[in-house]
N, C-alpha and C. Protein backbone atom coordinates (compact mmCIF):
# COMPACT_ATOMS: atom_id res chain seq x y z
N UNK A 1 49.99 -0.95 -81.04
CA UNK A 1 49.75 -0.20 -80.23
C UNK A 1 48.14 0.72 -80.22
N UNK A 2 47.81 -0.03 -79.21
CA UNK A 2 46.09 -0.13 -79.02
C UNK A 2 46.00 1.39 -78.19
N UNK A 3 45.85 2.44 -78.93
CA UNK A 3 45.57 3.55 -78.28
C UNK A 3 44.30 3.79 -77.29
N UNK A 4 43.38 3.11 -77.89
CA UNK A 4 42.05 2.80 -76.85
C UNK A 4 42.30 2.49 -75.61
N UNK A 5 43.58 1.64 -75.20
CA UNK A 5 43.97 1.36 -73.76
C UNK A 5 44.77 2.44 -73.34
N UNK A 6 45.40 3.26 -74.25
CA UNK A 6 45.99 4.59 -73.67
C UNK A 6 45.33 5.29 -72.95
N UNK A 7 44.30 5.94 -73.42
CA UNK A 7 43.29 6.79 -72.90
C UNK A 7 42.30 5.84 -72.33
N UNK A 8 41.79 6.66 -70.81
CA UNK A 8 40.96 5.99 -70.22
C UNK A 8 39.47 6.75 -70.39
N UNK A 9 38.56 6.09 -70.20
CA UNK A 9 37.51 7.14 -70.24
C UNK A 9 37.17 8.66 -69.93
N UNK A 10 37.95 9.01 -68.81
CA UNK A 10 37.91 9.95 -67.90
C UNK A 10 39.13 10.86 -69.14
N UNK A 11 40.18 10.40 -69.50
CA UNK A 11 41.20 11.14 -70.36
C UNK A 11 40.23 11.80 -71.65
N UNK A 12 39.52 10.60 -71.82
CA UNK A 12 38.81 11.31 -73.44
C UNK A 12 37.50 12.32 -72.78
N UNK A 13 37.32 12.05 -71.81
CA UNK A 13 36.17 13.30 -71.47
C UNK A 13 37.04 14.80 -71.22
N UNK A 14 38.21 14.58 -70.52
CA UNK A 14 38.92 15.70 -70.27
C UNK A 14 39.24 16.05 -71.47
N UNK A 15 39.55 15.68 -72.17
CA UNK A 15 39.97 16.36 -73.85
C UNK A 15 39.06 16.74 -74.00
N UNK A 16 37.64 16.11 -74.30
CA UNK A 16 36.64 16.56 -74.94
C UNK A 16 36.17 18.03 -74.18
N UNK A 17 35.89 17.59 -72.90
CA UNK A 17 35.55 19.36 -72.10
C UNK A 17 37.04 19.92 -72.56
N UNK A 18 38.13 20.15 -72.97
CA UNK A 18 38.84 20.94 -73.30
C UNK A 18 38.48 21.74 -74.41
N UNK A 19 38.12 20.53 -74.99
CA UNK A 19 37.60 21.13 -76.71
C UNK A 19 36.67 22.39 -76.59
N UNK A 20 35.48 21.89 -75.77
CA UNK A 20 34.20 22.29 -75.48
C UNK A 20 34.39 23.47 -74.81
N UNK A 21 35.75 23.91 -74.01
CA UNK A 21 35.68 25.26 -72.99
C UNK A 21 36.79 26.12 -74.17
N UNK A 22 37.57 25.45 -74.77
CA UNK A 22 38.18 26.21 -75.62
C UNK A 22 37.14 27.01 -76.88
N UNK A 23 36.56 26.00 -77.43
CA UNK A 23 35.40 26.61 -78.20
C UNK A 23 34.32 27.78 -77.94
N UNK A 24 34.15 27.38 -76.72
CA UNK A 24 33.07 28.73 -76.07
C UNK A 24 33.38 30.14 -76.14
N UNK A 25 34.54 30.17 -76.39
CA UNK A 25 34.93 31.59 -76.59
C UNK A 25 35.72 31.91 -77.94
N UNK A 26 35.62 31.18 -78.69
CA UNK A 26 36.06 31.60 -80.06
C UNK A 26 35.76 30.71 -81.79
N UNK A 27 35.44 31.56 -82.48
CA UNK A 27 34.81 31.04 -83.73
C UNK A 27 35.93 30.17 -84.37
N UNK A 28 36.11 29.06 -84.11
CA UNK A 28 36.71 28.06 -84.82
C UNK A 28 36.38 26.80 -84.02
N UNK A 29 37.16 25.88 -84.55
CA UNK A 29 37.04 24.46 -84.09
C UNK A 29 38.44 23.61 -83.91
N UNK A 30 38.60 23.20 -83.01
CA UNK A 30 39.84 22.38 -82.75
C UNK A 30 39.38 20.90 -82.96
N UNK A 31 40.41 20.43 -83.17
CA UNK A 31 40.14 18.88 -83.98
C UNK A 31 41.26 17.86 -83.04
N UNK A 32 41.27 17.45 -82.15
CA UNK A 32 42.82 16.44 -81.75
C UNK A 32 42.47 15.09 -82.28
N UNK A 33 43.83 14.83 -83.09
CA UNK A 33 44.06 13.41 -83.90
C UNK A 33 45.05 12.68 -83.08
N UNK A 34 44.69 11.50 -83.22
CA UNK A 34 45.99 10.75 -82.40
C UNK A 34 46.17 9.39 -83.29
N UNK A 35 47.22 8.61 -83.82
CA UNK A 35 47.33 7.77 -84.24
C UNK A 35 48.43 6.88 -84.16
N UNK A 36 48.44 5.34 -84.09
CA UNK A 36 49.53 5.02 -83.42
C UNK A 36 50.86 4.99 -84.50
N UNK A 37 50.70 5.22 -85.66
CA UNK A 37 52.09 5.43 -86.53
C UNK A 37 51.51 5.69 -87.79
N UNK A 38 52.44 6.61 -88.72
CA UNK A 38 52.06 7.27 -89.67
C UNK A 38 52.44 6.09 -91.11
N UNK A 39 53.02 5.01 -90.91
CA UNK A 39 53.41 4.75 -91.84
C UNK A 39 53.80 2.97 -91.74
N UNK A 40 54.36 2.32 -92.22
CA UNK A 40 54.28 0.87 -92.19
C UNK A 40 56.07 0.46 -92.13
N UNK A 41 57.05 1.28 -93.20
CA UNK A 41 58.39 1.04 -93.12
C UNK A 41 58.81 -0.33 -93.39
N UNK A 42 58.42 -0.97 -94.33
CA UNK A 42 58.75 -2.10 -94.80
C UNK A 42 60.18 -2.29 -94.71
N UNK A 43 60.75 -0.86 -95.18
CA UNK A 43 62.22 -0.35 -95.21
C UNK A 43 62.84 -1.08 -93.99
N UNK A 44 62.68 -1.20 -92.91
CA UNK A 44 63.17 -1.57 -91.47
C UNK A 44 63.29 -2.97 -91.92
N UNK A 45 62.28 -3.42 -92.13
CA UNK A 45 62.47 -5.40 -92.56
C UNK A 45 63.95 -5.54 -93.55
N UNK A 46 63.72 -4.85 -94.48
CA UNK A 46 64.83 -5.34 -95.62
C UNK A 46 65.99 -4.74 -95.00
N UNK A 47 66.27 -3.77 -94.30
CA UNK A 47 67.66 -3.47 -93.52
C UNK A 47 68.07 -4.50 -92.81
N UNK A 48 67.28 -4.66 -91.71
CA UNK A 48 66.89 -5.98 -90.74
C UNK A 48 67.81 -7.11 -91.43
N UNK A 49 67.18 -7.74 -92.44
CA UNK A 49 67.27 -9.13 -93.11
C UNK A 49 68.79 -8.94 -93.52
N UNK A 50 68.96 -7.94 -94.25
CA UNK A 50 70.57 -7.64 -94.84
C UNK A 50 71.69 -7.78 -93.99
N UNK A 51 71.15 -7.03 -93.06
CA UNK A 51 72.33 -6.83 -91.69
C UNK A 51 72.48 -8.12 -90.86
N UNK A 52 71.19 -8.74 -90.76
CA UNK A 52 71.13 -9.88 -90.48
C UNK A 52 72.17 -11.07 -90.68
N UNK A 53 71.74 -11.07 -92.44
CA UNK A 53 72.09 -12.18 -93.31
C UNK A 53 73.70 -11.76 -93.17
N UNK A 54 74.28 -10.72 -93.30
CA UNK A 54 75.64 -10.29 -93.28
C UNK A 54 76.24 -10.65 -92.26
N UNK A 55 75.67 -10.49 -91.12
CA UNK A 55 76.59 -11.07 -89.67
C UNK A 55 76.71 -12.26 -89.63
N UNK A 56 75.55 -13.16 -90.07
CA UNK A 56 75.52 -14.66 -89.83
C UNK A 56 76.59 -15.21 -91.07
N UNK A 57 76.93 -14.51 -92.06
CA UNK A 57 78.21 -14.95 -92.83
C UNK A 57 79.26 -14.68 -92.24
N UNK A 58 79.15 -13.54 -91.97
CA UNK A 58 80.29 -13.04 -91.04
C UNK A 58 80.66 -13.95 -90.12
N UNK A 59 79.93 -14.51 -89.71
CA UNK A 59 80.08 -15.43 -88.33
C UNK A 59 80.63 -16.72 -88.84
N UNK A 60 79.97 -17.12 -90.03
CA UNK A 60 80.82 -18.09 -90.66
C UNK A 60 82.23 -18.23 -90.95
N UNK A 61 82.29 -16.82 -91.71
CA UNK A 61 83.87 -16.93 -91.94
C UNK A 61 84.92 -16.89 -90.80
N UNK A 62 84.34 -16.54 -89.54
CA UNK A 62 85.12 -16.31 -88.73
C UNK A 62 85.25 -17.69 -88.15
N UNK A 63 84.21 -18.37 -87.92
CA UNK A 63 84.56 -19.90 -87.44
C UNK A 63 85.26 -20.34 -88.08
N UNK A 64 85.31 -20.53 -89.41
CA UNK A 64 86.17 -20.95 -90.45
C UNK A 64 87.33 -20.72 -90.52
N UNK A 65 87.93 -19.22 -89.98
CA UNK A 65 89.26 -18.69 -89.70
C UNK A 65 89.48 -19.36 -88.31
N UNK A 66 88.99 -19.08 -87.10
CA UNK A 66 89.66 -19.25 -85.99
C UNK A 66 88.55 -20.35 -84.93
N UNK A 67 87.58 -20.78 -85.42
CA UNK A 67 87.05 -21.95 -84.71
C UNK A 67 86.80 -23.06 -85.64
N UNK A 68 87.97 -23.64 -85.81
CA UNK A 68 87.50 -24.82 -86.85
C UNK A 68 86.83 -25.95 -86.58
N UNK A 69 86.34 -26.11 -85.48
CA UNK A 69 85.61 -27.17 -84.78
C UNK A 69 83.89 -27.04 -85.16
N UNK A 70 83.80 -25.36 -85.23
CA UNK A 70 82.42 -25.04 -85.65
C UNK A 70 82.13 -24.81 -87.43
N UNK A 71 83.35 -24.96 -87.62
CA UNK A 71 83.20 -24.46 -89.24
C UNK A 71 82.22 -25.49 -90.22
N UNK A 72 81.64 -24.58 -91.34
CA UNK A 72 80.79 -25.43 -92.01
C UNK A 72 81.33 -24.91 -93.25
N UNK A 73 81.55 -26.22 -94.51
CA UNK A 73 82.18 -25.78 -95.43
C UNK A 73 81.52 -26.42 -96.35
N UNK A 74 80.00 -26.89 -96.49
CA UNK A 74 79.35 -26.96 -97.44
C UNK A 74 78.58 -25.65 -97.92
N UNK A 75 78.77 -25.35 -99.40
CA UNK A 75 78.05 -24.15 -99.99
C UNK A 75 76.63 -24.24 -99.91
N UNK A 76 75.97 -25.22 -100.07
CA UNK A 76 74.51 -25.13 -99.87
C UNK A 76 74.04 -24.94 -98.43
N UNK A 77 74.75 -25.34 -97.55
CA UNK A 77 74.40 -25.41 -95.88
C UNK A 77 74.56 -24.08 -95.15
N UNK A 78 75.71 -23.38 -95.90
CA UNK A 78 76.45 -21.87 -95.50
C UNK A 78 74.97 -20.75 -96.11
N UNK A 79 74.57 -21.52 -97.33
CA UNK A 79 73.53 -20.79 -98.27
C UNK A 79 72.26 -20.41 -97.41
N UNK A 80 72.10 -21.84 -96.76
CA UNK A 80 70.77 -21.86 -96.27
C UNK A 80 70.80 -21.39 -94.83
N UNK A 81 71.85 -21.27 -94.23
CA UNK A 81 72.34 -20.70 -92.70
C UNK A 81 72.18 -19.35 -92.66
N UNK A 82 72.65 -18.71 -93.86
CA UNK A 82 72.64 -17.07 -94.22
C UNK A 82 71.17 -16.57 -94.41
N UNK A 83 70.48 -17.53 -95.37
CA UNK A 83 69.08 -16.87 -95.78
C UNK A 83 68.14 -17.32 -94.48
N UNK A 84 68.40 -18.46 -93.51
CA UNK A 84 67.59 -18.39 -92.54
C UNK A 84 68.10 -16.79 -91.47
N UNK A 85 68.94 -16.70 -91.21
CA UNK A 85 69.61 -15.76 -90.39
C UNK A 85 68.82 -14.10 -90.78
N UNK A 86 68.92 -14.24 -92.38
CA UNK A 86 68.52 -12.89 -92.71
C UNK A 86 66.90 -12.88 -92.52
N UNK A 87 66.17 -14.04 -92.95
CA UNK A 87 64.73 -14.23 -92.75
C UNK A 87 64.47 -13.55 -91.27
N UNK A 88 65.17 -14.46 -90.12
CA UNK A 88 64.88 -14.19 -88.70
C UNK A 88 64.87 -12.48 -88.48
N UNK A 89 66.36 -12.00 -89.05
CA UNK A 89 66.54 -10.77 -88.58
C UNK A 89 65.09 -10.01 -89.36
N UNK A 90 64.58 -10.17 -90.66
CA UNK A 90 63.45 -9.03 -91.50
C UNK A 90 62.54 -9.33 -90.66
N UNK A 91 62.10 -10.17 -89.83
CA UNK A 91 60.75 -10.55 -89.06
C UNK A 91 60.90 -9.53 -87.69
N UNK A 92 62.32 -9.28 -87.38
CA UNK A 92 62.77 -8.80 -85.88
C UNK A 92 61.97 -7.30 -85.77
N UNK A 93 61.83 -6.47 -86.63
CA UNK A 93 61.11 -5.22 -86.34
C UNK A 93 59.89 -5.19 -86.32
N UNK A 94 59.11 -6.59 -86.74
CA UNK A 94 57.53 -6.42 -86.24
C UNK A 94 57.49 -6.93 -85.33
N UNK A 95 58.40 -6.85 -84.29
CA UNK A 95 58.27 -7.36 -82.48
C UNK A 95 58.80 -5.90 -82.01
N UNK A 96 59.11 -5.13 -82.47
CA UNK A 96 59.95 -4.01 -81.68
C UNK A 96 60.01 -2.82 -82.53
N UNK A 97 58.99 -2.07 -81.81
CA UNK A 97 59.17 -0.74 -82.41
C UNK A 97 60.42 0.25 -82.41
N UNK A 98 61.21 -0.20 -81.24
CA UNK A 98 62.40 0.36 -81.02
C UNK A 98 63.52 0.17 -82.08
N UNK A 99 63.37 -1.01 -82.77
CA UNK A 99 64.44 -1.80 -84.20
C UNK A 99 63.89 -1.01 -84.85
N UNK A 100 62.57 -0.88 -85.21
CA UNK A 100 61.92 -0.11 -86.35
C UNK A 100 62.40 0.78 -86.46
N UNK A 101 62.23 1.53 -85.64
CA UNK A 101 62.55 3.23 -85.33
C UNK A 101 64.25 3.48 -86.03
N UNK A 102 65.05 2.38 -85.52
CA UNK A 102 66.53 2.73 -85.63
C UNK A 102 66.68 2.36 -86.97
N UNK A 103 66.34 2.00 -87.40
CA UNK A 103 66.10 1.83 -88.97
C UNK A 103 65.59 2.49 -89.82
N UNK A 104 64.69 3.16 -89.45
CA UNK A 104 64.00 4.29 -90.53
C UNK A 104 64.60 5.64 -90.37
N UNK A 105 64.96 6.66 -91.39
CA UNK A 105 65.55 7.86 -91.26
C UNK A 105 64.61 8.90 -90.60
N UNK A 106 64.80 9.65 -90.04
CA UNK A 106 63.96 10.85 -89.16
C UNK A 106 63.30 11.34 -90.74
N UNK A 107 63.71 11.81 -91.75
CA UNK A 107 63.48 12.35 -92.83
C UNK A 107 62.22 11.45 -93.42
N UNK A 108 62.49 10.17 -93.23
CA UNK A 108 61.52 9.23 -93.77
C UNK A 108 60.21 9.46 -93.08
N UNK A 109 60.22 9.34 -91.56
CA UNK A 109 59.52 9.31 -90.75
C UNK A 109 58.78 10.67 -90.74
N UNK A 110 59.49 11.99 -90.85
CA UNK A 110 59.07 13.28 -90.90
C UNK A 110 57.64 13.17 -92.23
N UNK A 111 58.17 12.89 -93.16
CA UNK A 111 57.49 12.81 -94.21
C UNK A 111 56.01 11.88 -94.11
N UNK A 112 56.15 11.07 -93.60
CA UNK A 112 55.07 10.00 -93.36
C UNK A 112 53.97 10.52 -92.44
N UNK A 113 54.50 10.71 -91.24
CA UNK A 113 53.80 12.13 -90.39
C UNK A 113 53.04 13.09 -90.99
N UNK A 114 53.89 14.16 -91.88
CA UNK A 114 53.21 14.79 -92.41
C UNK A 114 52.25 14.52 -93.83
N UNK A 115 52.43 13.21 -94.47
CA UNK A 115 51.35 12.87 -95.04
C UNK A 115 50.07 12.65 -94.26
N UNK A 116 49.98 11.50 -93.45
CA UNK A 116 49.41 10.80 -92.80
C UNK A 116 48.54 12.16 -91.98
N UNK A 117 48.89 13.36 -91.59
CA UNK A 117 48.71 14.40 -90.85
C UNK A 117 47.45 15.23 -91.93
N UNK A 118 47.86 15.45 -92.88
CA UNK A 118 47.35 15.83 -94.36
C UNK A 118 45.99 15.22 -94.86
N UNK A 119 46.17 13.89 -94.75
CA UNK A 119 44.91 12.85 -95.16
C UNK A 119 43.78 12.85 -93.37
N UNK A 120 44.59 13.21 -92.35
CA UNK A 120 43.55 13.31 -91.41
C UNK A 120 42.67 14.58 -91.45
N UNK A 121 43.45 15.45 -91.84
CA UNK A 121 42.99 16.71 -91.84
C UNK A 121 41.71 16.84 -93.06
N UNK A 122 41.72 16.08 -93.99
CA UNK A 122 40.55 15.65 -95.03
C UNK A 122 39.58 14.58 -94.26
N UNK A 123 40.18 13.93 -93.34
CA UNK A 123 39.03 12.54 -93.39
C UNK A 123 38.19 13.29 -92.17
N UNK A 124 38.81 14.02 -91.53
CA UNK A 124 37.77 14.76 -90.09
C UNK A 124 37.52 15.61 -90.69
N UNK A 125 37.68 16.18 -92.05
CA UNK A 125 36.85 17.28 -92.45
C UNK A 125 37.08 18.66 -91.74
N UNK A 126 38.62 18.96 -91.36
CA UNK A 126 38.50 19.86 -90.54
C UNK A 126 38.46 21.17 -91.02
N UNK A 127 38.62 21.12 -92.66
CA UNK A 127 38.32 22.22 -93.64
C UNK A 127 37.13 22.53 -93.73
N UNK A 128 36.11 21.89 -93.23
CA UNK A 128 34.66 22.01 -93.23
C UNK A 128 34.00 22.85 -92.35
N UNK A 129 34.41 23.89 -92.13
CA UNK A 129 33.76 25.09 -91.37
C UNK A 129 33.60 26.43 -92.19
N UNK A 130 32.75 26.90 -91.48
CA UNK A 130 32.02 28.19 -92.56
C UNK A 130 33.14 29.33 -92.70
N UNK A 131 34.07 29.64 -91.96
CA UNK A 131 35.02 30.56 -92.05
C UNK A 131 36.44 29.95 -92.25
N UNK A 132 36.50 28.47 -92.80
CA UNK A 132 37.66 28.17 -92.78
C UNK A 132 38.84 28.13 -91.50
N UNK A 133 38.40 28.03 -89.96
CA UNK A 133 39.00 28.58 -89.03
C UNK A 133 39.01 26.83 -88.18
N UNK A 134 39.20 25.83 -88.73
CA UNK A 134 39.68 24.36 -87.99
C UNK A 134 41.17 24.46 -87.90
N UNK A 135 41.21 24.16 -86.83
CA UNK A 135 42.76 23.40 -86.22
C UNK A 135 42.89 22.27 -86.11
N UNK A 136 43.68 21.47 -86.22
CA UNK A 136 43.94 20.04 -86.20
C UNK A 136 45.16 19.63 -85.06
N UNK A 137 45.51 18.97 -84.21
CA UNK A 137 46.24 18.78 -83.25
C UNK A 137 46.43 17.36 -83.56
N UNK A 138 47.55 16.93 -84.13
CA UNK A 138 48.09 15.47 -84.71
C UNK A 138 49.41 15.14 -84.08
N UNK A 139 49.07 13.84 -83.50
CA UNK A 139 50.03 13.27 -82.71
C UNK A 139 50.47 11.64 -83.41
N UNK A 140 51.48 11.42 -83.82
CA UNK A 140 51.56 10.38 -84.57
C UNK A 140 52.75 9.42 -83.34
N UNK A 141 52.07 8.68 -82.58
CA UNK A 141 52.93 8.13 -81.90
C UNK A 141 54.44 7.42 -81.99
N UNK A 142 54.55 6.29 -83.24
CA UNK A 142 55.74 5.68 -83.39
C UNK A 142 56.87 6.56 -83.73
N UNK A 143 56.17 7.94 -84.53
CA UNK A 143 57.42 8.60 -85.00
C UNK A 143 57.85 9.88 -83.89
N UNK A 144 57.16 9.62 -82.82
CA UNK A 144 57.14 11.15 -82.06
C UNK A 144 57.04 12.09 -82.61
N UNK A 145 55.97 12.36 -83.54
CA UNK A 145 55.66 13.57 -84.39
C UNK A 145 54.17 14.30 -83.80
N UNK A 146 54.53 15.59 -83.86
CA UNK A 146 53.66 16.40 -83.22
C UNK A 146 53.02 17.74 -84.35
N UNK A 147 52.21 17.33 -85.28
CA UNK A 147 51.93 18.39 -85.92
C UNK A 147 50.61 19.31 -85.55
N UNK A 148 50.77 20.72 -85.80
CA UNK A 148 49.44 21.45 -85.44
C UNK A 148 49.51 22.03 -86.98
N UNK A 149 48.22 22.27 -87.84
CA UNK A 149 47.27 22.09 -88.84
C UNK A 149 46.80 23.22 -89.01
N UNK A 150 46.61 24.32 -89.33
CA UNK A 150 45.53 25.35 -89.12
C UNK A 150 44.85 25.59 -90.75
N UNK A 151 43.56 25.46 -90.73
CA UNK A 151 43.25 25.97 -92.32
C UNK A 151 43.36 27.65 -92.72
N UNK A 152 43.24 27.74 -93.36
CA UNK A 152 43.56 29.05 -94.28
C UNK A 152 42.88 30.08 -93.56
N UNK A 153 42.04 30.50 -93.03
CA UNK A 153 41.55 31.37 -92.28
C UNK A 153 42.14 31.97 -90.96
N UNK A 154 42.85 30.72 -90.69
CA UNK A 154 43.59 30.97 -89.57
C UNK A 154 45.37 31.39 -89.76
N UNK A 155 45.43 30.34 -90.84
CA UNK A 155 46.84 30.33 -90.84
C UNK A 155 47.63 31.21 -91.61
N UNK A 156 46.85 32.31 -92.28
CA UNK A 156 47.17 33.53 -93.09
C UNK A 156 47.16 34.64 -91.90
N UNK A 157 46.94 34.68 -90.59
CA UNK A 157 47.11 35.84 -89.64
C UNK A 157 47.99 35.14 -88.39
N UNK A 158 48.17 33.41 -88.65
CA UNK A 158 49.00 33.30 -87.15
C UNK A 158 50.30 33.04 -87.69
N UNK A 159 51.30 32.98 -87.16
CA UNK A 159 52.90 33.07 -87.47
C UNK A 159 52.94 31.49 -87.22
N UNK A 160 53.82 30.78 -88.15
CA UNK A 160 54.27 29.29 -87.74
C UNK A 160 55.58 29.45 -86.63
N UNK A 161 55.97 30.14 -85.99
CA UNK A 161 56.56 29.92 -84.64
C UNK A 161 55.70 30.14 -83.43
N UNK A 162 54.08 30.15 -83.82
CA UNK A 162 53.25 30.17 -82.83
C UNK A 162 52.87 28.90 -82.56
N UNK A 163 52.72 27.92 -83.93
CA UNK A 163 52.04 26.74 -83.83
C UNK A 163 53.64 25.61 -83.14
N UNK A 164 54.89 26.00 -83.29
CA UNK A 164 55.92 25.64 -83.65
C UNK A 164 56.39 25.50 -82.08
N UNK A 165 55.71 26.59 -81.26
CA UNK A 165 55.95 26.62 -79.59
C UNK A 165 54.99 25.47 -79.03
N UNK A 166 53.62 25.67 -79.64
CA UNK A 166 52.71 24.66 -78.99
C UNK A 166 53.20 22.87 -79.34
N UNK A 167 53.85 22.93 -80.52
CA UNK A 167 54.41 21.60 -81.09
C UNK A 167 55.23 21.00 -79.52
N UNK A 168 56.78 22.04 -79.49
CA UNK A 168 57.69 21.71 -78.66
C UNK A 168 57.06 21.37 -77.53
N UNK A 169 56.09 22.04 -76.74
CA UNK A 169 55.21 21.84 -75.56
C UNK A 169 54.64 20.68 -75.43
N UNK A 170 53.86 20.20 -76.50
CA UNK A 170 53.21 18.68 -76.17
C UNK A 170 54.03 17.58 -76.55
N UNK A 171 55.13 17.85 -77.22
CA UNK A 171 56.27 17.10 -77.51
C UNK A 171 56.79 16.70 -76.20
N UNK A 172 57.42 17.71 -75.36
CA UNK A 172 57.62 17.60 -73.99
C UNK A 172 56.77 16.75 -73.24
N UNK A 173 55.43 17.12 -73.45
CA UNK A 173 54.34 16.25 -72.17
C UNK A 173 54.42 14.96 -72.69
N UNK A 174 54.67 14.65 -73.84
CA UNK A 174 54.63 13.55 -74.20
C UNK A 174 55.91 12.46 -73.89
N UNK A 175 56.74 13.44 -73.99
CA UNK A 175 58.08 12.54 -73.66
C UNK A 175 57.97 12.29 -71.85
N UNK A 176 57.20 13.14 -71.48
CA UNK A 176 57.25 13.05 -69.93
C UNK A 176 56.24 11.63 -69.42
N UNK A 177 55.48 11.51 -70.81
CA UNK A 177 54.16 10.44 -70.45
C UNK A 177 53.46 11.34 -69.74
N UNK A 178 52.99 12.41 -69.94
CA UNK A 178 52.32 13.16 -69.39
C UNK A 178 51.09 13.72 -70.82
N UNK A 179 50.38 12.35 -71.56
CA UNK A 179 49.98 12.76 -72.55
C UNK A 179 48.76 13.62 -72.67
N UNK A 180 47.54 12.64 -71.90
CA UNK A 180 46.55 13.59 -71.77
C UNK A 180 46.72 15.32 -71.38
N UNK A 181 47.48 15.32 -70.24
CA UNK A 181 47.44 17.00 -69.78
C UNK A 181 48.39 17.87 -71.12
N UNK A 182 49.29 16.86 -72.08
CA UNK A 182 49.57 17.82 -72.73
C UNK A 182 48.70 18.41 -74.33
N UNK A 183 47.93 17.05 -74.14
CA UNK A 183 47.01 17.57 -75.32
C UNK A 183 45.94 18.57 -74.63
N UNK A 184 45.38 18.25 -73.43
CA UNK A 184 44.65 19.35 -73.16
C UNK A 184 45.20 21.05 -73.16
N UNK A 185 46.55 21.01 -72.67
CA UNK A 185 47.35 22.11 -72.56
C UNK A 185 47.16 22.75 -74.31
N UNK A 186 47.50 22.12 -75.18
CA UNK A 186 47.56 22.06 -76.42
C UNK A 186 46.41 23.02 -76.83
N UNK A 187 45.41 22.40 -76.28
CA UNK A 187 43.93 22.75 -76.92
C UNK A 187 43.60 24.45 -76.66
N UNK A 188 43.92 24.12 -75.19
CA UNK A 188 43.91 25.46 -74.43
C UNK A 188 45.02 26.67 -75.11
N UNK A 189 46.10 26.26 -75.70
CA UNK A 189 46.97 27.11 -76.31
C UNK A 189 46.53 27.73 -77.56
N UNK A 190 46.05 26.60 -78.47
CA UNK A 190 45.12 26.79 -79.75
C UNK A 190 44.01 27.94 -79.45
N UNK A 191 43.28 27.75 -78.33
CA UNK A 191 41.90 28.50 -78.51
C UNK A 191 42.46 29.98 -77.98
N UNK A 192 43.32 30.16 -77.31
CA UNK A 192 43.82 31.46 -76.38
C UNK A 192 44.61 32.08 -77.81
N UNK A 193 45.37 31.51 -78.39
CA UNK A 193 45.84 31.78 -80.01
C UNK A 193 44.59 32.63 -80.81
N UNK A 194 43.75 31.92 -80.82
CA UNK A 194 42.23 32.41 -81.98
C UNK A 194 41.91 33.25 -80.96
N UNK A 195 41.61 33.27 -79.87
CA UNK A 195 41.12 34.50 -79.30
C UNK A 195 42.15 36.31 -79.39
N UNK A 196 43.44 35.77 -79.39
CA UNK A 196 44.35 36.86 -79.39
C UNK A 196 43.94 37.30 -80.81
N UNK A 197 44.13 36.65 -81.49
CA UNK A 197 43.65 37.00 -82.84
C UNK A 197 42.46 37.62 -83.56
N UNK A 198 41.50 37.50 -82.44
CA UNK A 198 40.29 38.41 -82.96
C UNK A 198 39.32 37.48 -83.26
N UNK A 199 39.54 35.87 -83.11
CA UNK A 199 38.41 34.76 -83.82
C UNK A 199 37.62 34.65 -82.71
N UNK A 200 36.85 35.47 -81.98
CA UNK A 200 35.92 35.39 -81.09
C UNK A 200 34.47 34.82 -81.08
N UNK A 201 33.84 34.22 -80.41
CA UNK A 201 32.80 33.75 -80.84
C UNK A 201 31.50 34.51 -81.05
N UNK A 202 30.82 34.31 -82.05
CA UNK A 202 29.48 35.09 -82.57
C UNK A 202 28.46 34.85 -81.81
N UNK A 203 27.43 35.41 -81.71
CA UNK A 203 26.09 35.08 -81.42
C UNK A 203 25.55 34.13 -82.52
N UNK A 204 25.85 34.05 -83.80
CA UNK A 204 25.54 33.24 -84.60
C UNK A 204 26.23 31.92 -85.12
N UNK A 205 27.21 31.70 -84.05
CA UNK A 205 28.37 30.20 -84.19
C UNK A 205 27.66 29.13 -83.54
N UNK A 206 27.93 28.08 -84.41
CA UNK A 206 27.72 26.73 -84.26
C UNK A 206 28.55 25.81 -83.90
N UNK A 207 28.37 24.47 -83.43
CA UNK A 207 29.69 23.85 -83.32
C UNK A 207 29.58 22.74 -84.56
N UNK A 208 30.69 23.26 -85.34
CA UNK A 208 30.51 22.44 -86.78
C UNK A 208 31.36 21.11 -86.56
N UNK A 209 32.06 20.91 -86.19
CA UNK A 209 32.71 19.73 -85.76
C UNK A 209 32.64 19.02 -84.13
N UNK A 210 32.49 17.91 -84.25
CA UNK A 210 32.72 17.11 -82.67
C UNK A 210 33.55 17.41 -81.81
N UNK A 211 33.53 17.59 -80.45
CA UNK A 211 34.54 17.57 -79.48
C UNK A 211 35.21 16.45 -79.26
N UNK A 212 34.91 15.30 -79.80
CA UNK A 212 36.04 13.94 -79.07
C UNK A 212 37.56 14.26 -79.76
N UNK A 213 38.29 13.36 -78.83
CA UNK A 213 39.54 13.14 -79.38
C UNK A 213 39.17 12.06 -80.80
N UNK A 214 39.83 12.06 -81.66
CA UNK A 214 39.84 11.07 -82.67
C UNK A 214 41.00 10.06 -82.57
N UNK A 215 40.46 8.85 -82.56
CA UNK A 215 42.13 7.94 -82.58
C UNK A 215 41.56 7.41 -83.70
N UNK A 216 42.94 7.07 -84.74
CA UNK A 216 42.82 6.52 -86.00
C UNK A 216 43.58 5.23 -86.25
């Protein structure tokens, strides 16, 4: 999935403007990060291969019992047919995100998304603010996961349920295919939260992190 084709230049500018607007009132940094997927999930290929080879073997048994005209009796040929079916099944998830997603547990995807978010938090240096007041809005499309991660300067005064509400709203917007609108709204919500908690912009405040949408 090429996310750079998902967002037009106008979308990118709209998101950047939303970050700039939110940060013009607060002493915090808001960093939106989008990734196509958080893991490769090779387990899906293994599962698909096993399921396909099992299905092919079952069809061989059924044909032997009920359709003698199509029965295969040569053990080597049966082995080759089953192996071929398994190999074809194993590559199928590479061409369908839907199939791959069906073969990976939700727990596995949530764990991968959390790890990728933590890596992105470090990579984008969201922690690198004077008062540790960075917030990352992280979206992983394949897993349908949204994570809002705040640095310790903010997390110690904002309850988790506040971030959960922002996550739910953004997830709903993405489900409705209103991705840009959802990200812009999430950025505004984060800005409002910081303003409400007293993180107001000071005279010596500087823009410590760029305002662009990060697509990794």
